[in-house]
Amino acid sequence: MSPVRRCSRTACGRPAVATLTYVYADSTAVLGPLATYAEPHCYDLCAEHSERLTAPRGWEVVRLSDPSAPSRPSGDDLEALANAVREAARPQERGDGTPGRRTADPMEVARRGHLRVLRSPDS
């Protein structure tokens, strides 16, 4: 017997990465990280079959994320990153209105590398 668990789908020999469990009372299919032990009423699925999983009409699919797996950035995350890069690349004006090095922020108390300590707006 192979120590690697295989996908439960017929004719699929790929390694399993997720476990599917049905909660019949709630009409729910729960897809989560690969279970520690193979259970008789659970189905192990490979990456392709776990991504393409659909449930019967009227059923809900709950996908539990694997906390050890890296999360994919959302569209909002990527847009925020792009905006931050654009802002950092934009030339800053000096106090006299000419382009040049950034002026210190009046709210900035201290700086260490890329981190800044800001004064509270109340004080």
N, C-alpha and C. Protein backbone atom coordinates (compact mmCIF):
# COMPACT_ATOMS: atom_id res chain seq x y z
N MET A 1 0.84 -1.19 0.00
CA MET A 1 0.00 0.00 0.00
C MET A 1 0.88 1.24 0.00
N SER A 2 0.52 2.24 -0.80
CA SER A 2 1.30 3.46 -0.94
C SER A 2 1.05 4.37 0.26
N PRO A 3 2.13 5.01 0.80
CA PRO A 3 1.93 5.92 1.93
C PRO A 3 1.24 7.22 1.52
N VAL A 4 1.21 7.52 0.20
CA VAL A 4 0.55 8.73 -0.29
C VAL A 4 -0.91 8.41 -0.58
N ARG A 5 -1.81 9.20 -0.02
CA ARG A 5 -3.23 8.98 -0.29
C ARG A 5 -3.56 9.53 -1.65
N ARG A 6 -4.39 8.81 -2.38
CA ARG A 6 -4.75 9.16 -3.74
C ARG A 6 -6.16 9.73 -3.80
N CYS A 7 -6.45 10.44 -4.89
CA CYS A 7 -7.77 11.01 -5.12
C CYS A 7 -8.81 9.89 -5.17
N SER A 8 -9.96 10.12 -4.57
CA SER A 8 -11.03 9.11 -4.52
C SER A 8 -11.81 9.01 -5.82
N ARG A 9 -11.66 9.97 -6.73
CA ARG A 9 -12.40 9.93 -7.99
C ARG A 9 -11.93 8.76 -8.84
N THR A 10 -12.87 8.14 -9.52
CA THR A 10 -12.58 6.97 -10.35
C THR A 10 -11.56 7.33 -11.43
N ALA A 11 -10.58 6.48 -11.62
CA ALA A 11 -9.53 6.59 -12.64
C ALA A 11 -8.60 7.77 -12.42
N CYS A 12 -8.59 8.38 -11.27
CA CYS A 12 -7.67 9.48 -10.97
C CYS A 12 -6.64 8.95 -9.98
N GLY A 13 -5.40 9.03 -10.35
CA GLY A 13 -4.34 8.52 -9.48
C GLY A 13 -3.48 9.60 -8.87
N ARG A 14 -3.90 10.86 -9.00
CA ARG A 14 -3.11 11.96 -8.46
C ARG A 14 -3.18 11.96 -6.93
N PRO A 15 -2.16 12.55 -6.28
CA PRO A 15 -2.16 12.61 -4.82
C PRO A 15 -3.27 13.51 -4.29
N ALA A 16 -3.85 13.12 -3.18
CA ALA A 16 -4.95 13.88 -2.57
C ALA A 16 -4.38 15.09 -1.82
N VAL A 17 -5.11 16.21 -1.90
CA VAL A 17 -4.71 17.43 -1.19
C VAL A 17 -5.84 17.98 -0.32
N ALA A 18 -7.05 17.45 -0.47
CA ALA A 18 -8.21 17.96 0.28
C ALA A 18 -9.13 16.80 0.63
N THR A 19 -9.96 17.01 1.64
CA THR A 19 -10.93 16.00 2.06
C THR A 19 -12.33 16.58 1.97
N LEU A 20 -13.23 15.82 1.36
CA LEU A 20 -14.62 16.21 1.18
C LEU A 20 -15.49 15.42 2.13
N THR A 21 -16.36 16.12 2.84
CA THR A 21 -17.31 15.50 3.76
C THR A 21 -18.68 16.08 3.49
N TYR A 22 -19.69 15.24 3.55
CA TYR A 22 -21.07 15.70 3.36
C TYR A 22 -21.78 15.78 4.70
N VAL A 23 -22.53 16.86 4.92
CA VAL A 23 -23.40 16.99 6.09
C VAL A 23 -24.81 16.95 5.53
N TYR A 24 -25.37 15.76 5.50
CA TYR A 24 -26.66 15.56 4.85
C TYR A 24 -27.78 16.34 5.53
N ALA A 25 -27.75 16.46 6.84
CA ALA A 25 -28.81 17.16 7.57
C ALA A 25 -28.88 18.64 7.18
N ASP A 26 -27.74 19.23 6.81
CA ASP A 26 -27.69 20.65 6.44
C ASP A 26 -27.59 20.86 4.94
N SER A 27 -27.61 19.78 4.17
CA SER A 27 -27.43 19.86 2.71
C SER A 27 -26.17 20.65 2.37
N THR A 28 -25.06 20.26 2.98
CA THR A 28 -23.80 20.97 2.84
C THR A 28 -22.68 20.00 2.50
N ALA A 29 -21.83 20.41 1.58
CA ALA A 29 -20.59 19.68 1.27
C ALA A 29 -19.45 20.52 1.82
N VAL A 30 -18.61 19.92 2.66
CA VAL A 30 -17.51 20.64 3.30
C VAL A 30 -16.20 20.13 2.70
N LEU A 31 -15.44 21.05 2.10
CA LEU A 31 -14.15 20.72 1.51
C LEU A 31 -13.08 21.43 2.31
N GLY A 32 -12.19 20.64 2.89
CA GLY A 32 -11.15 21.23 3.73
C GLY A 32 -9.80 20.62 3.44
N PRO A 33 -8.80 20.99 4.23
CA PRO A 33 -7.47 20.42 4.06
C PRO A 33 -7.51 18.91 4.23
N LEU A 34 -6.52 18.25 3.70
CA LEU A 34 -6.46 16.79 3.77
C LEU A 34 -6.51 16.35 5.23
N ALA A 35 -7.45 15.47 5.53
CA ALA A 35 -7.62 14.97 6.90
C ALA A 35 -6.40 14.15 7.31
N THR A 36 -6.14 14.12 8.59
CA THR A 36 -4.99 13.38 9.11
C THR A 36 -5.12 11.90 8.84
N TYR A 37 -6.33 11.38 8.98
CA TYR A 37 -6.59 9.96 8.76
C TYR A 37 -7.66 9.79 7.70
N ALA A 38 -7.57 8.72 6.95
CA ALA A 38 -8.60 8.40 5.95
C ALA A 38 -9.83 7.89 6.69
N GLU A 39 -10.95 8.55 6.52
CA GLU A 39 -12.21 8.16 7.17
C GLU A 39 -13.08 7.45 6.14
N PRO A 40 -13.91 6.51 6.57
CA PRO A 40 -14.71 5.75 5.61
C PRO A 40 -15.77 6.57 4.87
N HIS A 41 -16.28 7.65 5.47
CA HIS A 41 -17.36 8.42 4.85
C HIS A 41 -16.87 9.77 4.33
N CYS A 42 -15.56 9.89 4.15
CA CYS A 42 -14.97 11.10 3.59
C CYS A 42 -14.27 10.74 2.29
N TYR A 43 -14.11 11.73 1.44
CA TYR A 43 -13.50 11.49 0.14
C TYR A 43 -12.28 12.39 0.00
N ASP A 44 -11.15 11.80 -0.34
CA ASP A 44 -9.93 12.56 -0.57
C ASP A 44 -9.91 12.97 -2.04
N LEU A 45 -9.59 14.25 -2.31
CA LEU A 45 -9.59 14.76 -3.67
C LEU A 45 -8.24 15.40 -4.01
N CYS A 46 -7.86 15.29 -5.28
CA CYS A 46 -6.65 15.95 -5.77
C CYS A 46 -6.95 17.44 -5.96
N ALA A 47 -5.93 18.21 -6.31
CA ALA A 47 -6.10 19.66 -6.47
C ALA A 47 -7.10 19.98 -7.57
N GLU A 48 -7.02 19.29 -8.70
CA GLU A 48 -7.93 19.58 -9.82
C GLU A 48 -9.37 19.29 -9.46
N HIS A 49 -9.63 18.13 -8.87
CA HIS A 49 -11.01 17.78 -8.53
C HIS A 49 -11.55 18.62 -7.37
N SER A 50 -10.70 19.05 -6.45
CA SER A 50 -11.19 19.90 -5.36
C SER A 50 -11.55 21.29 -5.87
N GLU A 51 -10.83 21.80 -6.89
CA GLU A 51 -11.15 23.11 -7.44
C GLU A 51 -12.43 23.08 -8.26
N ARG A 52 -12.70 21.95 -8.92
CA ARG A 52 -13.87 21.86 -9.80
C ARG A 52 -15.10 21.29 -9.09
N LEU A 53 -15.03 21.11 -7.79
CA LEU A 53 -16.13 20.50 -7.04
C LEU A 53 -17.40 21.32 -7.14
N THR A 54 -18.50 20.66 -7.44
CA THR A 54 -19.83 21.28 -7.39
C THR A 54 -20.72 20.39 -6.53
N ALA A 55 -21.77 20.97 -6.01
CA ALA A 55 -22.69 20.22 -5.15
C ALA A 55 -24.05 20.16 -5.85
N PRO A 56 -24.90 19.23 -5.43
CA PRO A 56 -26.23 19.15 -6.02
C PRO A 56 -27.01 20.45 -5.81
N ARG A 57 -27.98 20.69 -6.67
CA ARG A 57 -28.82 21.89 -6.57
C ARG A 57 -29.45 21.95 -5.18
N GLY A 58 -29.39 23.14 -4.59
CA GLY A 58 -29.96 23.33 -3.24
C GLY A 58 -28.96 23.06 -2.13
N TRP A 59 -27.79 22.55 -2.47
CA TRP A 59 -26.75 22.29 -1.48
C TRP A 59 -25.77 23.44 -1.46
N GLU A 60 -25.11 23.61 -0.34
CA GLU A 60 -24.09 24.64 -0.18
C GLU A 60 -22.72 23.98 -0.10
N VAL A 61 -21.72 24.58 -0.72
CA VAL A 61 -20.34 24.10 -0.61
C VAL A 61 -19.58 25.04 0.31
N VAL A 62 -19.02 24.50 1.37
CA VAL A 62 -18.21 25.28 2.30
C VAL A 62 -16.76 24.86 2.07
N ARG A 63 -15.93 25.82 1.70
CA ARG A 63 -14.51 25.55 1.47
C ARG A 63 -13.71 26.12 2.64
N LEU A 64 -13.11 25.24 3.40
CA LEU A 64 -12.28 25.64 4.53
C LEU A 64 -10.86 25.83 4.03
N SER A 65 -10.25 26.96 4.37
CA SER A 65 -8.89 27.21 3.90
C SER A 65 -7.89 26.50 4.80
N ASP A 66 -6.77 26.15 4.18
CA ASP A 66 -5.68 25.51 4.90
C ASP A 66 -4.82 26.62 5.51
N PRO A 67 -4.75 26.72 6.84
CA PRO A 67 -4.00 27.82 7.44
C PRO A 67 -2.51 27.78 7.12
N SER A 68 -1.96 26.61 6.77
CA SER A 68 -0.53 26.52 6.46
C SER A 68 -0.25 26.89 5.01
N ALA A 69 -1.28 26.90 4.16
CA ALA A 69 -1.08 27.22 2.75
C ALA A 69 -1.05 28.74 2.58
N PRO A 70 -0.23 29.21 1.66
CA PRO A 70 -0.20 30.66 1.43
C PRO A 70 -1.50 31.12 0.80
N SER A 71 -2.02 32.24 1.29
CA SER A 71 -3.28 32.74 0.74
C SER A 71 -3.00 33.53 -0.53
N ARG A 72 -3.94 33.48 -1.44
CA ARG A 72 -3.81 34.21 -2.69
C ARG A 72 -4.24 35.65 -2.48
N PRO A 73 -3.51 36.60 -3.05
CA PRO A 73 -3.92 37.99 -2.89
C PRO A 73 -5.19 38.26 -3.67
N SER A 74 -6.05 39.09 -3.11
CA SER A 74 -7.29 39.44 -3.80
C SER A 74 -7.01 40.58 -4.77
N GLY A 75 -7.99 40.90 -5.58
CA GLY A 75 -7.86 42.02 -6.51
C GLY A 75 -7.63 43.32 -5.78
N ASP A 76 -8.28 43.50 -4.63
CA ASP A 76 -8.09 44.72 -3.83
C ASP A 76 -6.66 44.81 -3.31
N ASP A 77 -6.10 43.66 -2.89
CA ASP A 77 -4.72 43.65 -2.40
C ASP A 77 -3.75 44.06 -3.50
N LEU A 78 -3.95 43.52 -4.69
CA LEU A 78 -3.06 43.84 -5.80
C LEU A 78 -3.18 45.30 -6.22
N GLU A 79 -4.41 45.82 -6.21
CA GLU A 79 -4.61 47.22 -6.56
C GLU A 79 -3.96 48.15 -5.53
N ALA A 80 -4.10 47.81 -4.25
CA ALA A 80 -3.48 48.62 -3.20
C ALA A 80 -1.96 48.60 -3.33
N LEU A 81 -1.40 47.45 -3.66
CA LEU A 81 0.04 47.35 -3.84
C LEU A 81 0.50 48.19 -5.02
N ALA A 82 -0.23 48.11 -6.14
CA ALA A 82 0.12 48.90 -7.32
C ALA A 82 0.05 50.39 -7.02
N ASN A 83 -0.96 50.83 -6.29
CA ASN A 83 -1.09 52.25 -5.93
C ASN A 83 0.06 52.70 -5.03
N ALA A 84 0.47 51.83 -4.10
CA ALA A 84 1.58 52.17 -3.21
C ALA A 84 2.88 52.30 -3.99
N VAL A 85 3.10 51.42 -4.95
CA VAL A 85 4.31 51.49 -5.78
C VAL A 85 4.30 52.76 -6.62
N ARG A 86 3.15 53.09 -7.22
CA ARG A 86 3.05 54.33 -8.01
C ARG A 86 3.35 55.56 -7.15
N GLU A 87 2.79 55.58 -5.95
CA GLU A 87 2.99 56.71 -5.05
C GLU A 87 4.46 56.83 -4.64
N ALA A 88 5.11 55.72 -4.37
CA ALA A 88 6.52 55.75 -3.97
C ALA A 88 7.41 56.18 -5.12
N ALA A 89 7.03 55.87 -6.34
CA ALA A 89 7.84 56.22 -7.51
C ALA A 89 7.64 57.66 -7.96
N ARG A 90 6.57 58.29 -7.53
CA ARG A 90 6.26 59.66 -7.95
C ARG A 90 7.24 60.62 -7.30
N PRO A 91 7.84 61.56 -8.09
CA PRO A 91 8.75 62.53 -7.48
C PRO A 91 7.99 63.46 -6.53
N GLN A 92 8.57 63.70 -5.40
CA GLN A 92 7.94 64.53 -4.38
C GLN A 92 8.43 65.97 -4.51
N GLU A 93 7.60 66.92 -4.09
CA GLU A 93 7.98 68.33 -4.11
C GLU A 93 8.64 68.72 -2.80
N ARG A 94 9.61 69.64 -2.90
CA ARG A 94 10.22 70.19 -1.69
C ARG A 94 9.29 71.27 -1.13
N GLY A 95 9.64 71.82 -0.03
CA GLY A 95 8.82 72.85 0.60
C GLY A 95 8.64 74.08 -0.27
N ASP A 96 9.61 74.38 -1.16
CA ASP A 96 9.49 75.56 -2.00
C ASP A 96 8.75 75.30 -3.31
N GLY A 97 8.19 74.11 -3.49
CA GLY A 97 7.39 73.80 -4.66
C GLY A 97 8.18 73.19 -5.81
N THR A 98 9.50 73.06 -5.68
CA THR A 98 10.29 72.45 -6.76
C THR A 98 10.44 70.97 -6.50
N PRO A 99 10.49 70.17 -7.59
CA PRO A 99 10.65 68.73 -7.39
C PRO A 99 11.97 68.43 -6.69
N GLY A 100 11.96 67.42 -5.89
CA GLY A 100 13.19 67.03 -5.19
C GLY A 100 12.89 66.06 -4.09
N ARG A 101 13.71 66.07 -3.10
CA ARG A 101 13.59 65.15 -1.99
C ARG A 101 12.37 65.47 -1.14
N ARG A 102 11.78 64.46 -0.56
CA ARG A 102 10.59 64.64 0.27
C ARG A 102 10.88 65.48 1.50
N THR A 103 9.90 66.26 1.88
CA THR A 103 10.01 67.01 3.14
C THR A 103 9.48 66.12 4.25
N ALA A 104 9.94 66.37 5.44
CA ALA A 104 9.50 65.57 6.59
C ALA A 104 8.02 65.86 6.88
N ASP A 105 7.32 64.84 7.21
CA ASP A 105 5.91 64.97 7.57
C ASP A 105 5.83 65.63 8.94
N PRO A 106 5.00 66.67 9.12
CA PRO A 106 4.90 67.31 10.43
C PRO A 106 4.35 66.37 11.50
N MET A 107 3.67 65.30 11.09
CA MET A 107 3.14 64.34 12.05
C MET A 107 4.19 63.29 12.43
N GLU A 108 5.31 63.24 11.70
CA GLU A 108 6.33 62.23 11.92
C GLU A 108 7.20 62.60 13.11
N VAL A 109 7.32 61.70 14.07
CA VAL A 109 8.11 61.93 15.26
C VAL A 109 9.50 61.31 15.10
N ALA A 110 9.55 60.10 14.56
CA ALA A 110 10.83 59.40 14.40
C ALA A 110 10.73 58.45 13.22
N ARG A 111 11.88 58.00 12.75
CA ARG A 111 11.93 57.09 11.61
C ARG A 111 13.03 56.07 11.86
N ARG A 112 12.74 54.82 11.51
CA ARG A 112 13.75 53.77 11.59
C ARG A 112 13.57 52.88 10.38
N GLY A 113 14.46 53.04 9.40
CA GLY A 113 14.32 52.30 8.15
C GLY A 113 13.07 52.76 7.43
N HIS A 114 12.22 51.82 7.08
CA HIS A 114 10.98 52.17 6.38
C HIS A 114 9.82 52.42 7.35
N LEU A 115 10.04 52.29 8.64
CA LEU A 115 8.99 52.49 9.64
C LEU A 115 9.00 53.92 10.15
N ARG A 116 7.82 54.46 10.41
CA ARG A 116 7.70 55.82 10.91
C ARG A 116 6.85 55.81 12.18
N VAL A 117 7.20 56.66 13.12
CA VAL A 117 6.38 56.89 14.31
C VAL A 117 5.68 58.22 14.09
N LEU A 118 4.36 58.20 14.16
CA LEU A 118 3.57 59.41 13.90
C LEU A 118 2.98 59.95 15.18
N ARG A 119 2.89 61.27 15.25
CA ARG A 119 2.27 61.96 16.38
C ARG A 119 0.77 61.74 16.29
N SER A 120 0.12 61.61 17.41
CA SER A 120 -1.32 61.46 17.44
C SER A 120 -1.97 62.73 16.93
N PRO A 121 -3.03 62.63 16.09
CA PRO A 121 -3.69 63.84 15.59
C PRO A 121 -4.31 64.68 16.70
N ASP A 122 -4.57 64.08 17.86
CA ASP A 122 -5.19 64.81 18.98
C ASP A 122 -4.20 65.73 19.69
N SER A 123 -2.90 65.44 19.60
CA SER A 123 -1.93 66.23 20.35
C SER A 123 -1.26 67.29 19.53
